[in-house]
N, C-alpha and C. Protein backbone atom coordinates (compact mmCIF):
# COMPACT_ATOMS: atom_id res chain seq x y z
N MET A 1 17.55 -16.69 14.59
CA MET A 1 18.04 -15.38 14.95
C MET A 1 19.46 -15.22 14.45
N PRO A 2 19.81 -14.04 13.97
CA PRO A 2 21.18 -13.83 13.54
C PRO A 2 22.16 -14.04 14.69
N GLY A 3 23.24 -14.71 14.42
CA GLY A 3 24.26 -14.95 15.41
C GLY A 3 24.03 -16.17 16.27
N SER A 4 22.85 -16.81 16.20
CA SER A 4 22.61 -18.01 17.00
C SER A 4 23.27 -19.20 16.33
N VAL A 5 23.36 -20.29 17.05
CA VAL A 5 24.02 -21.48 16.52
C VAL A 5 23.01 -22.33 15.76
N ASP A 6 23.38 -22.70 14.56
CA ASP A 6 22.54 -23.55 13.73
C ASP A 6 23.15 -24.94 13.74
N PRO A 7 22.56 -25.90 14.45
CA PRO A 7 23.15 -27.23 14.55
C PRO A 7 23.30 -27.92 13.20
N ALA A 8 22.40 -27.65 12.26
CA ALA A 8 22.49 -28.31 10.95
C ALA A 8 23.74 -27.89 10.19
N LEU A 9 24.20 -26.66 10.44
CA LEU A 9 25.39 -26.17 9.76
C LEU A 9 26.63 -26.28 10.61
N GLY A 10 26.44 -26.56 11.92
CA GLY A 10 27.59 -26.73 12.81
C GLY A 10 28.27 -25.43 13.18
N GLY A 11 27.62 -24.32 13.03
CA GLY A 11 28.25 -23.04 13.37
C GLY A 11 27.22 -21.96 13.52
N PRO A 12 27.68 -20.71 13.64
CA PRO A 12 26.73 -19.62 13.82
C PRO A 12 25.91 -19.37 12.55
N ARG A 13 24.67 -19.03 12.75
CA ARG A 13 23.78 -18.71 11.64
C ARG A 13 24.11 -17.29 11.19
N PRO A 14 24.36 -17.07 9.88
CA PRO A 14 24.71 -15.73 9.43
C PRO A 14 23.51 -14.79 9.49
N ALA A 15 23.77 -13.49 9.68
CA ALA A 15 22.71 -12.48 9.65
C ALA A 15 22.26 -12.32 8.20
N VAL A 16 20.97 -12.15 8.01
CA VAL A 16 20.42 -12.00 6.66
C VAL A 16 19.58 -10.74 6.61
N ALA A 17 19.45 -10.17 5.42
CA ALA A 17 18.73 -8.92 5.26
C ALA A 17 17.22 -9.11 5.36
N ASN A 18 16.70 -10.22 4.90
CA ASN A 18 15.26 -10.44 4.89
C ASN A 18 14.87 -11.23 6.13
N PRO A 19 14.05 -10.68 7.02
CA PRO A 19 13.70 -11.39 8.26
C PRO A 19 12.88 -12.65 8.04
N LEU A 20 12.24 -12.79 6.88
CA LEU A 20 11.46 -13.99 6.61
C LEU A 20 12.34 -15.22 6.43
N ILE A 21 13.61 -15.01 6.06
CA ILE A 21 14.55 -16.13 5.92
C ILE A 21 14.62 -16.92 7.22
N ASN A 22 14.54 -16.24 8.36
CA ASN A 22 14.66 -16.91 9.65
C ASN A 22 13.44 -17.76 9.99
N ARG A 23 12.33 -17.59 9.29
CA ARG A 23 11.13 -18.36 9.58
C ARG A 23 11.10 -19.70 8.87
N ILE A 24 11.94 -19.88 7.89
CA ILE A 24 11.96 -21.15 7.18
C ILE A 24 12.97 -22.07 7.84
N THR A 25 13.13 -23.26 7.32
CA THR A 25 14.11 -24.19 7.89
C THR A 25 15.48 -23.52 7.90
N PRO A 26 16.13 -23.41 9.09
CA PRO A 26 17.38 -22.65 9.20
C PRO A 26 18.46 -23.06 8.20
N ALA A 27 18.55 -24.33 7.88
CA ALA A 27 19.58 -24.77 6.95
C ALA A 27 19.33 -24.26 5.53
N HIS A 28 18.10 -23.89 5.21
CA HIS A 28 17.79 -23.43 3.86
C HIS A 28 18.10 -21.95 3.65
N GLY A 29 18.11 -21.16 4.73
CA GLY A 29 18.33 -19.72 4.60
C GLY A 29 19.59 -19.35 3.83
N PRO A 30 20.77 -19.82 4.25
CA PRO A 30 22.00 -19.47 3.52
C PRO A 30 21.99 -19.99 2.08
N ARG A 31 21.39 -21.13 1.86
CA ARG A 31 21.33 -21.67 0.49
C ARG A 31 20.45 -20.79 -0.40
N LEU A 32 19.32 -20.33 0.16
CA LEU A 32 18.43 -19.48 -0.63
C LEU A 32 19.05 -18.13 -0.93
N THR A 33 19.70 -17.53 0.05
CA THR A 33 20.30 -16.22 -0.18
C THR A 33 21.49 -16.30 -1.13
N ALA A 34 22.07 -17.48 -1.30
CA ALA A 34 23.20 -17.64 -2.21
C ALA A 34 22.76 -17.86 -3.66
N LEU A 35 21.47 -18.09 -3.90
CA LEU A 35 20.99 -18.32 -5.26
C LEU A 35 21.17 -17.07 -6.12
N PRO A 36 21.49 -17.26 -7.41
CA PRO A 36 21.70 -16.10 -8.30
C PRO A 36 20.38 -15.59 -8.90
N CYS A 37 19.39 -15.36 -8.06
CA CYS A 37 18.11 -14.87 -8.54
C CYS A 37 17.42 -14.12 -7.42
N GLU A 38 16.31 -13.48 -7.77
CA GLU A 38 15.52 -12.75 -6.78
C GLU A 38 14.59 -13.73 -6.08
N LEU A 39 14.46 -13.61 -4.76
CA LEU A 39 13.49 -14.42 -4.03
C LEU A 39 12.17 -13.67 -3.99
N VAL A 40 11.10 -14.36 -4.31
CA VAL A 40 9.77 -13.77 -4.27
C VAL A 40 9.02 -14.44 -3.14
N TRP A 41 8.48 -13.65 -2.22
CA TRP A 41 7.79 -14.17 -1.04
C TRP A 41 6.30 -14.20 -1.29
N ALA A 42 5.68 -15.26 -0.85
CA ALA A 42 4.22 -15.41 -0.96
C ALA A 42 3.71 -16.01 0.33
N THR A 43 2.44 -15.82 0.61
CA THR A 43 1.86 -16.47 1.77
C THR A 43 0.82 -17.46 1.30
N ALA A 44 0.71 -18.52 2.02
CA ALA A 44 -0.28 -19.55 1.72
C ALA A 44 -0.78 -20.12 3.03
N SER A 45 -1.97 -20.60 3.04
CA SER A 45 -2.52 -21.16 4.26
C SER A 45 -2.16 -22.63 4.36
N SER A 46 -1.61 -23.04 5.50
CA SER A 46 -1.26 -24.44 5.68
C SER A 46 -2.48 -25.27 6.03
N THR A 47 -3.54 -24.63 6.47
CA THR A 47 -4.74 -25.35 6.88
C THR A 47 -5.88 -25.17 5.90
N GLY A 48 -5.68 -24.36 4.87
CA GLY A 48 -6.74 -24.08 3.92
C GLY A 48 -7.69 -23.01 4.42
N ARG A 49 -7.40 -22.45 5.61
CA ARG A 49 -8.24 -21.39 6.17
C ARG A 49 -7.57 -20.05 5.96
N PRO A 50 -8.34 -19.04 5.58
CA PRO A 50 -7.77 -17.69 5.53
C PRO A 50 -7.36 -17.26 6.93
N GLY A 51 -6.35 -16.44 7.01
CA GLY A 51 -5.90 -15.95 8.30
C GLY A 51 -4.84 -16.82 8.95
N ALA A 52 -4.44 -17.90 8.30
CA ALA A 52 -3.38 -18.75 8.84
C ALA A 52 -2.22 -18.74 7.84
N PRO A 53 -1.58 -17.57 7.65
CA PRO A 53 -0.52 -17.49 6.64
C PRO A 53 0.75 -18.21 7.06
N ARG A 54 1.46 -18.67 6.08
CA ARG A 54 2.74 -19.32 6.29
C ARG A 54 3.68 -18.83 5.19
N PRO A 55 4.82 -18.20 5.49
CA PRO A 55 5.70 -17.71 4.44
C PRO A 55 6.31 -18.85 3.64
N GLN A 56 6.38 -18.65 2.36
CA GLN A 56 7.02 -19.61 1.48
C GLN A 56 7.92 -18.84 0.52
N ALA A 57 9.05 -19.41 0.17
CA ALA A 57 9.96 -18.76 -0.76
C ALA A 57 9.83 -19.43 -2.13
N GLN A 58 9.95 -18.61 -3.15
CA GLN A 58 9.89 -19.13 -4.51
C GLN A 58 10.96 -18.41 -5.31
N ALA A 59 11.84 -19.14 -5.94
CA ALA A 59 12.88 -18.52 -6.76
C ALA A 59 12.33 -18.24 -8.14
N ARG A 60 12.66 -17.05 -8.65
CA ARG A 60 12.19 -16.68 -9.98
C ARG A 60 13.34 -15.99 -10.69
N ALA A 61 13.79 -16.56 -11.78
CA ALA A 61 14.83 -15.91 -12.57
C ALA A 61 14.18 -14.79 -13.37
N LEU A 62 14.80 -13.64 -13.38
CA LEU A 62 14.24 -12.51 -14.09
C LEU A 62 14.73 -12.51 -15.53
N GLU A 63 13.81 -12.49 -16.46
CA GLU A 63 14.16 -12.38 -17.87
C GLU A 63 13.27 -11.29 -18.45
N LEU A 64 13.89 -10.21 -18.86
CA LEU A 64 13.14 -9.08 -19.36
C LEU A 64 12.83 -9.23 -20.83
N ALA A 65 11.71 -8.64 -21.25
CA ALA A 65 11.29 -8.67 -22.64
C ALA A 65 11.92 -7.51 -23.40
N CYS A 66 13.15 -7.16 -23.05
CA CYS A 66 13.81 -5.99 -23.61
C CYS A 66 15.28 -6.29 -23.88
N ASP A 67 15.81 -5.68 -24.94
CA ASP A 67 17.23 -5.79 -25.21
C ASP A 67 18.05 -4.89 -24.30
N SER A 68 17.52 -3.70 -24.04
CA SER A 68 18.26 -2.73 -23.23
C SER A 68 17.36 -2.18 -22.13
N PRO A 69 17.16 -2.95 -21.03
CA PRO A 69 16.29 -2.48 -19.95
C PRO A 69 16.84 -1.24 -19.27
N GLY A 70 15.94 -0.46 -18.71
CA GLY A 70 16.33 0.73 -17.97
C GLY A 70 16.60 1.95 -18.83
N THR A 71 16.43 1.83 -20.13
CA THR A 71 16.69 2.96 -21.02
C THR A 71 15.45 3.81 -21.26
N GLY A 72 14.27 3.30 -20.87
CA GLY A 72 13.04 4.02 -21.13
C GLY A 72 12.45 3.75 -22.50
N ARG A 73 13.14 2.95 -23.30
CA ARG A 73 12.66 2.63 -24.65
C ARG A 73 11.91 1.32 -24.70
N CYS A 74 11.93 0.54 -23.63
CA CYS A 74 11.28 -0.77 -23.61
C CYS A 74 10.14 -0.75 -22.60
N TYR A 75 8.90 -0.84 -23.12
CA TYR A 75 7.74 -0.82 -22.24
C TYR A 75 6.52 -1.32 -22.98
N PHE A 76 5.50 -1.68 -22.22
CA PHE A 76 4.19 -2.02 -22.76
C PHE A 76 3.22 -1.01 -22.17
N GLU A 77 2.40 -0.41 -23.02
CA GLU A 77 1.46 0.60 -22.54
C GLU A 77 0.05 0.28 -23.01
N TRP A 78 -0.93 0.72 -22.21
CA TRP A 78 -2.32 0.56 -22.61
C TRP A 78 -3.15 1.71 -22.09
N PHE A 79 -4.33 1.87 -22.69
CA PHE A 79 -5.29 2.90 -22.29
C PHE A 79 -6.61 2.22 -21.98
N ASP A 80 -7.31 2.71 -20.93
CA ASP A 80 -8.63 2.18 -20.62
C ASP A 80 -9.69 3.05 -21.31
N ARG A 81 -10.96 2.73 -21.11
CA ARG A 81 -12.05 3.46 -21.77
C ARG A 81 -12.09 4.95 -21.39
N SER A 82 -11.58 5.29 -20.22
CA SER A 82 -11.57 6.69 -19.77
C SER A 82 -10.39 7.47 -20.34
N GLY A 83 -9.51 6.78 -21.06
CA GLY A 83 -8.34 7.44 -21.63
C GLY A 83 -7.13 7.45 -20.72
N ASN A 84 -7.21 6.79 -19.57
CA ASN A 84 -6.07 6.73 -18.66
C ASN A 84 -4.98 5.85 -19.24
N ARG A 85 -3.76 6.35 -19.25
CA ARG A 85 -2.61 5.62 -19.81
C ARG A 85 -1.86 4.94 -18.67
N THR A 86 -1.49 3.67 -18.89
CA THR A 86 -0.67 2.92 -17.94
C THR A 86 0.52 2.37 -18.70
N VAL A 87 1.71 2.49 -18.11
CA VAL A 87 2.94 2.01 -18.73
C VAL A 87 3.61 1.02 -17.79
N VAL A 88 4.02 -0.13 -18.33
CA VAL A 88 4.81 -1.11 -17.57
C VAL A 88 6.21 -1.10 -18.18
N PRO A 89 7.19 -0.48 -17.49
CA PRO A 89 8.55 -0.46 -18.03
C PRO A 89 9.23 -1.81 -17.84
N ASP A 90 9.98 -2.23 -18.81
CA ASP A 90 10.78 -3.46 -18.75
C ASP A 90 9.99 -4.66 -18.24
N PRO A 91 8.88 -5.04 -18.90
CA PRO A 91 8.10 -6.19 -18.41
C PRO A 91 8.89 -7.49 -18.50
N GLU A 92 8.59 -8.42 -17.60
CA GLU A 92 9.28 -9.70 -17.55
C GLU A 92 8.53 -10.75 -18.36
N ILE A 93 9.27 -11.61 -19.01
CA ILE A 93 8.70 -12.70 -19.81
C ILE A 93 8.04 -13.71 -18.88
N GLY A 94 6.83 -14.14 -19.23
CA GLY A 94 6.14 -15.16 -18.46
C GLY A 94 5.44 -14.65 -17.22
N VAL A 95 5.45 -13.35 -16.97
CA VAL A 95 4.76 -12.77 -15.82
C VAL A 95 3.43 -12.20 -16.29
N CYS A 96 2.36 -12.52 -15.57
CA CYS A 96 1.03 -12.02 -15.90
C CYS A 96 0.82 -10.66 -15.25
N TYR A 97 0.47 -9.67 -16.08
CA TYR A 97 0.17 -8.33 -15.59
C TYR A 97 -1.32 -8.09 -15.78
N GLU A 98 -1.97 -7.53 -14.77
CA GLU A 98 -3.40 -7.27 -14.87
C GLU A 98 -3.66 -5.81 -15.21
N THR A 99 -4.67 -5.59 -16.05
CA THR A 99 -5.09 -4.25 -16.43
C THR A 99 -6.46 -4.04 -15.81
N ALA A 100 -6.49 -3.63 -14.56
CA ALA A 100 -7.71 -3.61 -13.75
C ALA A 100 -8.89 -2.92 -14.42
N ALA A 101 -8.66 -1.83 -15.11
CA ALA A 101 -9.77 -1.08 -15.71
C ALA A 101 -10.15 -1.59 -17.10
N GLY A 102 -9.40 -2.53 -17.64
CA GLY A 102 -9.68 -3.06 -18.97
C GLY A 102 -9.01 -2.23 -20.04
N ALA A 103 -8.04 -2.82 -20.73
CA ALA A 103 -7.30 -2.13 -21.79
C ALA A 103 -8.06 -2.25 -23.11
N ILE A 104 -8.22 -1.12 -23.81
CA ILE A 104 -8.89 -1.17 -25.12
C ILE A 104 -7.97 -0.78 -26.27
N ARG A 105 -6.80 -0.21 -25.94
CA ARG A 105 -5.79 0.08 -26.97
C ARG A 105 -4.44 0.24 -26.30
N GLY A 106 -3.39 0.13 -27.08
CA GLY A 106 -2.06 0.27 -26.51
C GLY A 106 -0.98 0.01 -27.53
N ALA A 107 0.24 -0.17 -27.03
CA ALA A 107 1.40 -0.39 -27.89
C ALA A 107 2.39 -1.31 -27.19
N ASN A 108 3.03 -2.15 -27.99
CA ASN A 108 4.04 -3.07 -27.50
C ASN A 108 5.41 -2.56 -27.92
N HIS A 109 6.13 -1.95 -27.00
CA HIS A 109 7.47 -1.44 -27.27
C HIS A 109 8.53 -2.34 -26.64
N THR A 110 8.30 -3.67 -26.70
CA THR A 110 9.29 -4.64 -26.24
C THR A 110 9.81 -5.38 -27.46
N ASN A 111 10.73 -6.31 -27.26
CA ASN A 111 11.20 -7.11 -28.38
C ASN A 111 10.55 -8.50 -28.40
N ARG A 112 9.40 -8.63 -27.73
CA ARG A 112 8.67 -9.89 -27.65
C ARG A 112 7.22 -9.71 -28.05
N THR A 113 6.57 -10.80 -28.43
CA THR A 113 5.12 -10.80 -28.64
C THR A 113 4.46 -10.76 -27.27
N VAL A 114 3.38 -10.01 -27.16
CA VAL A 114 2.63 -9.92 -25.90
C VAL A 114 1.24 -10.50 -26.13
N ASP A 115 0.83 -11.43 -25.27
CA ASP A 115 -0.50 -12.04 -25.34
C ASP A 115 -1.47 -11.24 -24.48
N LEU A 116 -2.70 -11.05 -24.98
CA LEU A 116 -3.75 -10.36 -24.23
C LEU A 116 -4.88 -11.32 -23.92
N TRP A 117 -5.46 -11.17 -22.73
CA TRP A 117 -6.58 -12.01 -22.28
C TRP A 117 -7.78 -11.13 -21.95
N PRO A 118 -9.01 -11.60 -22.26
CA PRO A 118 -10.20 -10.82 -21.93
C PRO A 118 -10.60 -10.93 -20.46
N ARG A 119 -9.86 -11.69 -19.66
CA ARG A 119 -10.13 -11.78 -18.21
C ARG A 119 -8.79 -11.72 -17.47
N ALA A 120 -8.88 -11.49 -16.18
CA ALA A 120 -7.67 -11.36 -15.35
C ALA A 120 -6.98 -12.70 -15.17
N THR A 121 -5.75 -12.66 -14.75
CA THR A 121 -4.90 -13.79 -14.37
C THR A 121 -4.38 -14.62 -15.54
N CYS A 122 -4.51 -14.17 -16.77
CA CYS A 122 -3.90 -14.85 -17.93
C CYS A 122 -4.28 -16.32 -18.00
N ARG A 123 -5.56 -16.63 -17.74
CA ARG A 123 -6.00 -18.03 -17.78
C ARG A 123 -6.53 -18.38 -19.15
N ASP A 124 -6.60 -19.67 -19.42
CA ASP A 124 -7.10 -20.21 -20.68
C ASP A 124 -6.20 -19.75 -21.83
N SER A 125 -6.76 -19.56 -23.00
CA SER A 125 -5.97 -19.16 -24.16
C SER A 125 -6.05 -17.65 -24.39
N ALA A 126 -4.92 -17.07 -24.77
CA ALA A 126 -4.92 -15.65 -25.11
C ALA A 126 -5.78 -15.45 -26.35
N THR A 127 -6.49 -14.34 -26.41
CA THR A 127 -7.37 -14.11 -27.56
C THR A 127 -6.81 -13.08 -28.53
N PHE A 128 -5.71 -12.42 -28.16
CA PHE A 128 -5.12 -11.44 -29.06
C PHE A 128 -3.62 -11.41 -28.83
N LEU A 129 -2.84 -11.35 -29.89
CA LEU A 129 -1.39 -11.29 -29.81
C LEU A 129 -0.92 -9.96 -30.39
N VAL A 130 -0.05 -9.27 -29.67
CA VAL A 130 0.49 -8.00 -30.14
C VAL A 130 1.97 -8.21 -30.45
N PRO A 131 2.33 -8.22 -31.74
CA PRO A 131 3.74 -8.40 -32.10
C PRO A 131 4.60 -7.23 -31.62
N SER A 132 5.88 -7.46 -31.53
CA SER A 132 6.83 -6.44 -31.12
C SER A 132 6.73 -5.21 -32.01
N GLY A 133 6.70 -4.03 -31.38
CA GLY A 133 6.68 -2.78 -32.13
C GLY A 133 5.33 -2.41 -32.73
N ARG A 134 4.26 -3.09 -32.36
CA ARG A 134 2.94 -2.84 -32.95
C ARG A 134 2.00 -2.14 -31.98
N PHE A 135 1.06 -1.41 -32.55
CA PHE A 135 -0.02 -0.78 -31.80
C PHE A 135 -1.27 -1.63 -31.98
N TRP A 136 -2.21 -1.54 -31.05
CA TRP A 136 -3.46 -2.28 -31.16
C TRP A 136 -4.60 -1.43 -30.60
N SER A 137 -5.80 -1.67 -31.10
CA SER A 137 -6.98 -0.95 -30.64
C SER A 137 -8.20 -1.83 -30.84
N ASP A 138 -8.99 -2.02 -29.80
CA ASP A 138 -10.22 -2.80 -29.87
C ASP A 138 -11.21 -2.24 -28.85
N PRO A 139 -11.97 -1.19 -29.23
CA PRO A 139 -12.87 -0.55 -28.26
C PRO A 139 -14.03 -1.44 -27.84
N PHE A 140 -14.26 -2.55 -28.54
CA PHE A 140 -15.39 -3.42 -28.21
C PHE A 140 -15.00 -4.58 -27.29
N GLN A 141 -13.69 -4.87 -27.18
CA GLN A 141 -13.24 -5.98 -26.34
C GLN A 141 -12.16 -5.49 -25.38
N PRO A 142 -12.49 -5.19 -24.13
CA PRO A 142 -11.45 -4.82 -23.18
C PRO A 142 -10.64 -6.06 -22.76
N TYR A 143 -9.36 -5.85 -22.52
CA TYR A 143 -8.48 -6.92 -22.07
C TYR A 143 -8.05 -6.63 -20.65
N PHE A 144 -8.08 -7.66 -19.79
CA PHE A 144 -7.83 -7.46 -18.37
C PHE A 144 -6.52 -8.06 -17.89
N SER A 145 -5.72 -8.68 -18.77
CA SER A 145 -4.40 -9.15 -18.39
C SER A 145 -3.55 -9.34 -19.65
N PHE A 146 -2.23 -9.28 -19.46
CA PHE A 146 -1.31 -9.51 -20.58
C PHE A 146 -0.04 -10.17 -20.06
N MET A 147 0.69 -10.82 -20.99
CA MET A 147 1.93 -11.51 -20.63
C MET A 147 2.88 -11.52 -21.83
N PRO A 148 4.10 -10.97 -21.66
CA PRO A 148 5.11 -11.11 -22.72
C PRO A 148 5.60 -12.55 -22.80
N ARG A 149 5.89 -13.01 -24.00
CA ARG A 149 6.42 -14.38 -24.13
C ARG A 149 7.67 -14.42 -24.94
């Protein structure tokens, strides 16, 4: 609890913006909030059973696949078979993005190569690479995930 005494630190526990910080080991909270990165929260089961969540923190440094993020000029876009357009502005390197409806064409407006997978979760080997600044189209092979590298 904010303002309570943390014996491991020998003083009052500082108030934190994220209430999940208080659920982890109290001595780790201030150390985690002091890290120069974004904290990403996930839940996992400690017993292997669904319904028994336990918060876990994972540090992830953000590295964008863009020279000038936030300008609207850096994005990855795709279209599904119905013609619906989806745009991911400022995608992060090494993050898997899923294209739920299956992408059949699109454009890479980042400064990185983007890998495409025919199934979700970016597993196994990518089957198509889209170089920076290139368009792609494959109406016979939908892609269900992509990742800038």
